[in-house]
Amino acid sequence: MKYALSEASRCVYCGFCEPACPTLYPGGHRGHGPRGRLQLIATLAQNGASRLVEEALYTCLLCGACTLLCPAKIDVAGAVREARAYLRSRMA
């Protein structure tokens, strides 16, 4: 999860990414948006998985629209992919 944590640590939670995310508002909480997912990736590394973390990571469409609006060009989709792989490896 080194890449995912590196990307998550670069986020300053400015919010420019959120309007581009198609899953934020239907999801009902901030964890279903790019900023929330990055924060939950950090939580996953420290505290392990929970149903909320898994749900937020697996509702991401990996479309990359958030990266287009991000001033820091954080690769949210790449971080989410790596976090999903980490979750799968823990299930095995």
N, C-alpha and C. Protein backbone atom coordinates (compact mmCIF):
# COMPACT_ATOMS: atom_id res chain seq x y z
N MET A 1 0.82 -1.20 0.00
CA MET A 1 0.00 0.00 0.00
C MET A 1 0.86 1.26 0.00
N LYS A 2 2.10 1.11 -0.35
CA LYS A 2 3.01 2.25 -0.31
C LYS A 2 2.56 3.37 -1.26
N TYR A 3 2.18 3.01 -2.48
CA TYR A 3 1.74 4.02 -3.45
C TYR A 3 0.47 4.71 -2.97
N ALA A 4 -0.50 3.93 -2.51
CA ALA A 4 -1.78 4.49 -2.06
C ALA A 4 -1.57 5.46 -0.91
N LEU A 5 -0.73 5.11 0.03
CA LEU A 5 -0.46 6.00 1.17
C LEU A 5 0.29 7.25 0.74
N SER A 6 1.18 7.10 -0.22
CA SER A 6 1.90 8.25 -0.74
C SER A 6 0.95 9.24 -1.40
N GLU A 7 0.02 8.73 -2.21
CA GLU A 7 -0.96 9.60 -2.86
C GLU A 7 -1.89 10.23 -1.83
N ALA A 8 -2.34 9.45 -0.86
CA ALA A 8 -3.24 9.96 0.18
C ALA A 8 -2.58 11.07 0.99
N SER A 9 -1.29 10.94 1.24
CA SER A 9 -0.60 11.95 2.05
C SER A 9 -0.42 13.27 1.32
N ARG A 10 -0.55 13.28 0.01
CA ARG A 10 -0.40 14.52 -0.75
C ARG A 10 -1.68 15.36 -0.78
N CYS A 11 -2.79 14.77 -0.39
CA CYS A 11 -4.07 15.47 -0.43
C CYS A 11 -4.15 16.52 0.69
N VAL A 12 -4.55 17.73 0.31
CA VAL A 12 -4.72 18.80 1.29
C VAL A 12 -6.21 19.07 1.53
N TYR A 13 -7.07 18.22 1.00
CA TYR A 13 -8.52 18.27 1.21
C TYR A 13 -9.12 19.60 0.76
N CYS A 14 -8.66 20.08 -0.41
CA CYS A 14 -9.16 21.36 -0.93
C CYS A 14 -10.59 21.25 -1.46
N GLY A 15 -10.97 20.07 -1.94
CA GLY A 15 -12.34 19.86 -2.41
C GLY A 15 -12.57 20.10 -3.89
N PHE A 16 -11.54 20.49 -4.65
CA PHE A 16 -11.74 20.73 -6.08
C PHE A 16 -12.17 19.46 -6.82
N CYS A 17 -11.81 18.31 -6.31
CA CYS A 17 -12.12 17.03 -6.96
C CYS A 17 -13.58 16.62 -6.81
N GLU A 18 -14.22 17.05 -5.77
CA GLU A 18 -15.54 16.53 -5.43
C GLU A 18 -16.63 16.74 -6.48
N PRO A 19 -16.70 17.89 -7.14
CA PRO A 19 -17.76 18.06 -8.14
C PRO A 19 -17.66 17.07 -9.32
N ALA A 20 -16.48 16.54 -9.56
CA ALA A 20 -16.28 15.60 -10.68
C ALA A 20 -16.67 14.17 -10.33
N CYS A 21 -16.81 13.87 -9.07
CA CYS A 21 -17.04 12.48 -8.64
C CYS A 21 -18.51 12.10 -8.78
N PRO A 22 -18.81 11.10 -9.62
CA PRO A 22 -20.20 10.70 -9.81
C PRO A 22 -20.78 9.89 -8.65
N THR A 23 -19.97 9.48 -7.71
CA THR A 23 -20.48 8.65 -6.61
C THR A 23 -20.61 9.38 -5.28
N LEU A 24 -20.15 10.61 -5.21
CA LEU A 24 -20.15 11.32 -3.93
C LEU A 24 -21.55 11.55 -3.39
N TYR A 25 -22.39 12.22 -4.10
CA TYR A 25 -23.70 12.58 -3.56
C TYR A 25 -24.67 11.41 -3.47
N PRO A 26 -24.71 10.51 -4.44
CA PRO A 26 -25.59 9.34 -4.26
C PRO A 26 -25.16 8.44 -3.10
N GLY A 27 -23.88 8.46 -2.75
CA GLY A 27 -23.37 7.60 -1.70
C GLY A 27 -23.82 7.99 -0.31
N GLY A 28 -24.10 9.26 -0.12
CA GLY A 28 -24.65 9.68 1.16
C GLY A 28 -23.65 10.11 2.21
N HIS A 29 -22.36 9.92 2.03
CA HIS A 29 -21.38 10.41 2.99
C HIS A 29 -20.05 10.69 2.28
N ARG A 30 -19.21 11.44 2.91
CA ARG A 30 -17.95 11.89 2.31
C ARG A 30 -17.01 10.75 1.92
N GLY A 31 -17.16 9.61 2.51
CA GLY A 31 -16.32 8.47 2.16
C GLY A 31 -16.53 8.01 0.73
N HIS A 32 -17.61 8.45 0.11
CA HIS A 32 -17.90 8.06 -1.27
C HIS A 32 -17.41 9.11 -2.26
N GLY A 33 -16.50 9.95 -1.84
CA GLY A 33 -15.89 10.94 -2.71
C GLY A 33 -14.38 10.79 -2.67
N PRO A 34 -13.67 11.47 -3.56
CA PRO A 34 -12.21 11.31 -3.62
C PRO A 34 -11.48 11.65 -2.32
N ARG A 35 -11.83 12.79 -1.70
CA ARG A 35 -11.16 13.16 -0.45
C ARG A 35 -11.42 12.13 0.64
N GLY A 36 -12.64 11.70 0.76
CA GLY A 36 -12.99 10.71 1.77
C GLY A 36 -12.30 9.39 1.54
N ARG A 37 -12.21 8.98 0.29
CA ARG A 37 -11.53 7.72 -0.01
C ARG A 37 -10.06 7.78 0.35
N LEU A 38 -9.42 8.89 0.06
CA LEU A 38 -8.01 9.03 0.43
C LEU A 38 -7.83 8.99 1.94
N GLN A 39 -8.73 9.63 2.65
CA GLN A 39 -8.65 9.60 4.11
C GLN A 39 -8.89 8.18 4.63
N LEU A 40 -9.81 7.46 4.02
CA LEU A 40 -10.09 6.09 4.45
C LEU A 40 -8.94 5.14 4.12
N ILE A 41 -8.18 5.43 3.07
CA ILE A 41 -7.00 4.62 2.75
C ILE A 41 -5.99 4.75 3.88
N ALA A 42 -5.80 5.95 4.38
CA ALA A 42 -4.89 6.14 5.52
C ALA A 42 -5.42 5.41 6.76
N THR A 43 -6.72 5.46 6.96
CA THR A 43 -7.34 4.75 8.08
C THR A 43 -7.15 3.24 7.94
N LEU A 44 -7.30 2.75 6.73
CA LEU A 44 -7.12 1.31 6.46
C LEU A 44 -5.72 0.87 6.85
N ALA A 45 -4.73 1.66 6.53
CA ALA A 45 -3.35 1.30 6.87
C ALA A 45 -3.11 1.28 8.37
N GLN A 46 -3.78 2.18 9.10
CA GLN A 46 -3.56 2.27 10.54
C GLN A 46 -4.45 1.33 11.34
N ASN A 47 -5.72 1.22 10.95
CA ASN A 47 -6.69 0.51 11.78
C ASN A 47 -7.27 -0.75 11.16
N GLY A 48 -6.91 -1.05 9.93
CA GLY A 48 -7.47 -2.21 9.26
C GLY A 48 -8.81 -1.87 8.61
N ALA A 49 -9.37 -2.87 8.00
CA ALA A 49 -10.60 -2.69 7.22
C ALA A 49 -11.84 -2.68 8.10
N SER A 50 -12.83 -1.99 7.60
CA SER A 50 -14.16 -2.02 8.18
C SER A 50 -15.13 -2.05 7.02
N ARG A 51 -16.37 -2.29 7.31
CA ARG A 51 -17.38 -2.33 6.24
C ARG A 51 -17.46 -0.98 5.52
N LEU A 52 -17.37 0.11 6.26
CA LEU A 52 -17.42 1.45 5.68
C LEU A 52 -16.26 1.66 4.71
N VAL A 53 -15.06 1.27 5.10
CA VAL A 53 -13.88 1.43 4.25
C VAL A 53 -14.03 0.60 2.98
N GLU A 54 -14.42 -0.64 3.13
CA GLU A 54 -14.58 -1.51 1.96
C GLU A 54 -15.64 -0.97 1.02
N GLU A 55 -16.76 -0.53 1.55
CA GLU A 55 -17.84 0.01 0.73
C GLU A 55 -17.38 1.23 -0.04
N ALA A 56 -16.68 2.13 0.62
CA ALA A 56 -16.20 3.35 -0.04
C ALA A 56 -15.21 3.03 -1.15
N LEU A 57 -14.32 2.09 -0.91
CA LEU A 57 -13.32 1.75 -1.93
C LEU A 57 -13.94 1.02 -3.12
N TYR A 58 -14.93 0.19 -2.87
CA TYR A 58 -15.52 -0.58 -3.97
C TYR A 58 -16.65 0.14 -4.69
N THR A 59 -17.06 1.31 -4.22
CA THR A 59 -18.04 2.08 -4.97
C THR A 59 -17.37 3.08 -5.90
N CYS A 60 -16.06 3.23 -5.81
CA CYS A 60 -15.32 4.10 -6.72
C CYS A 60 -15.37 3.49 -8.12
N LEU A 61 -15.67 4.31 -9.12
CA LEU A 61 -15.76 3.86 -10.50
C LEU A 61 -14.40 3.81 -11.19
N LEU A 62 -13.36 4.32 -10.54
CA LEU A 62 -12.00 4.36 -11.09
C LEU A 62 -11.95 5.16 -12.40
N CYS A 63 -12.82 6.13 -12.53
CA CYS A 63 -12.92 6.90 -13.77
C CYS A 63 -11.80 7.93 -13.92
N GLY A 64 -11.23 8.38 -12.81
CA GLY A 64 -10.15 9.35 -12.84
C GLY A 64 -10.58 10.79 -13.04
N ALA A 65 -11.89 11.05 -13.03
CA ALA A 65 -12.37 12.41 -13.22
C ALA A 65 -11.85 13.34 -12.12
N CYS A 66 -11.69 12.83 -10.93
CA CYS A 66 -11.20 13.65 -9.82
C CYS A 66 -9.78 14.13 -10.06
N THR A 67 -8.96 13.30 -10.67
CA THR A 67 -7.58 13.67 -10.93
C THR A 67 -7.49 14.84 -11.90
N LEU A 68 -8.43 14.92 -12.84
CA LEU A 68 -8.42 16.02 -13.80
C LEU A 68 -8.59 17.37 -13.13
N LEU A 69 -9.35 17.42 -12.03
CA LEU A 69 -9.59 18.68 -11.33
C LEU A 69 -8.65 18.92 -10.16
N CYS A 70 -7.90 17.92 -9.78
CA CYS A 70 -7.01 18.03 -8.62
C CYS A 70 -5.78 18.88 -8.96
N PRO A 71 -5.55 19.96 -8.19
CA PRO A 71 -4.36 20.79 -8.45
C PRO A 71 -3.05 20.02 -8.28
N ALA A 72 -3.04 19.02 -7.42
CA ALA A 72 -1.84 18.22 -7.18
C ALA A 72 -1.77 16.99 -8.07
N LYS A 73 -2.81 16.76 -8.89
CA LYS A 73 -2.89 15.61 -9.79
C LYS A 73 -2.72 14.29 -9.04
N ILE A 74 -3.37 14.17 -7.90
CA ILE A 74 -3.32 12.94 -7.11
C ILE A 74 -4.05 11.84 -7.85
N ASP A 75 -3.43 10.70 -7.96
CA ASP A 75 -3.99 9.54 -8.66
C ASP A 75 -4.90 8.76 -7.70
N VAL A 76 -6.11 9.26 -7.53
CA VAL A 76 -7.05 8.62 -6.60
C VAL A 76 -7.39 7.22 -7.09
N ALA A 77 -7.64 7.07 -8.38
CA ALA A 77 -8.00 5.74 -8.92
C ALA A 77 -6.88 4.74 -8.69
N GLY A 78 -5.65 5.15 -8.89
CA GLY A 78 -4.51 4.25 -8.64
C GLY A 78 -4.39 3.88 -7.18
N ALA A 79 -4.62 4.85 -6.31
CA ALA A 79 -4.57 4.59 -4.87
C ALA A 79 -5.69 3.63 -4.46
N VAL A 80 -6.87 3.82 -5.02
CA VAL A 80 -8.00 2.94 -4.71
C VAL A 80 -7.72 1.52 -5.23
N ARG A 81 -7.16 1.42 -6.43
CA ARG A 81 -6.81 0.08 -6.97
C ARG A 81 -5.87 -0.65 -6.01
N GLU A 82 -4.84 0.05 -5.56
CA GLU A 82 -3.87 -0.59 -4.67
C GLU A 82 -4.51 -0.95 -3.33
N ALA A 83 -5.37 -0.09 -2.81
CA ALA A 83 -6.05 -0.40 -1.55
C ALA A 83 -6.97 -1.61 -1.70
N ARG A 84 -7.65 -1.71 -2.85
CA ARG A 84 -8.49 -2.89 -3.10
C ARG A 84 -7.64 -4.17 -3.14
N ALA A 85 -6.49 -4.09 -3.80
CA ALA A 85 -5.60 -5.26 -3.86
C ALA A 85 -5.13 -5.64 -2.45
N TYR A 86 -4.88 -4.64 -1.63
CA TYR A 86 -4.47 -4.88 -0.25
C TYR A 86 -5.60 -5.59 0.52
N LEU A 87 -6.83 -5.12 0.32
CA LEU A 87 -7.97 -5.77 0.98
C LEU A 87 -8.11 -7.22 0.52
N ARG A 88 -7.97 -7.45 -0.77
CA ARG A 88 -8.09 -8.84 -1.29
C ARG A 88 -7.00 -9.73 -0.73
N SER A 89 -5.79 -9.20 -0.59
CA SER A 89 -4.69 -10.01 -0.07
C SER A 89 -4.90 -10.38 1.39
N ARG A 90 -5.59 -9.52 2.13
CA ARG A 90 -5.87 -9.81 3.54
C ARG A 90 -6.99 -10.85 3.69
N MET A 91 -7.83 -10.97 2.66
CA MET A 91 -8.92 -11.94 2.72
C MET A 91 -8.43 -13.35 2.43
N ALA A 92 -7.32 -13.46 1.72
CA ALA A 92 -6.82 -14.78 1.31
C ALA A 92 -6.21 -15.55 2.45
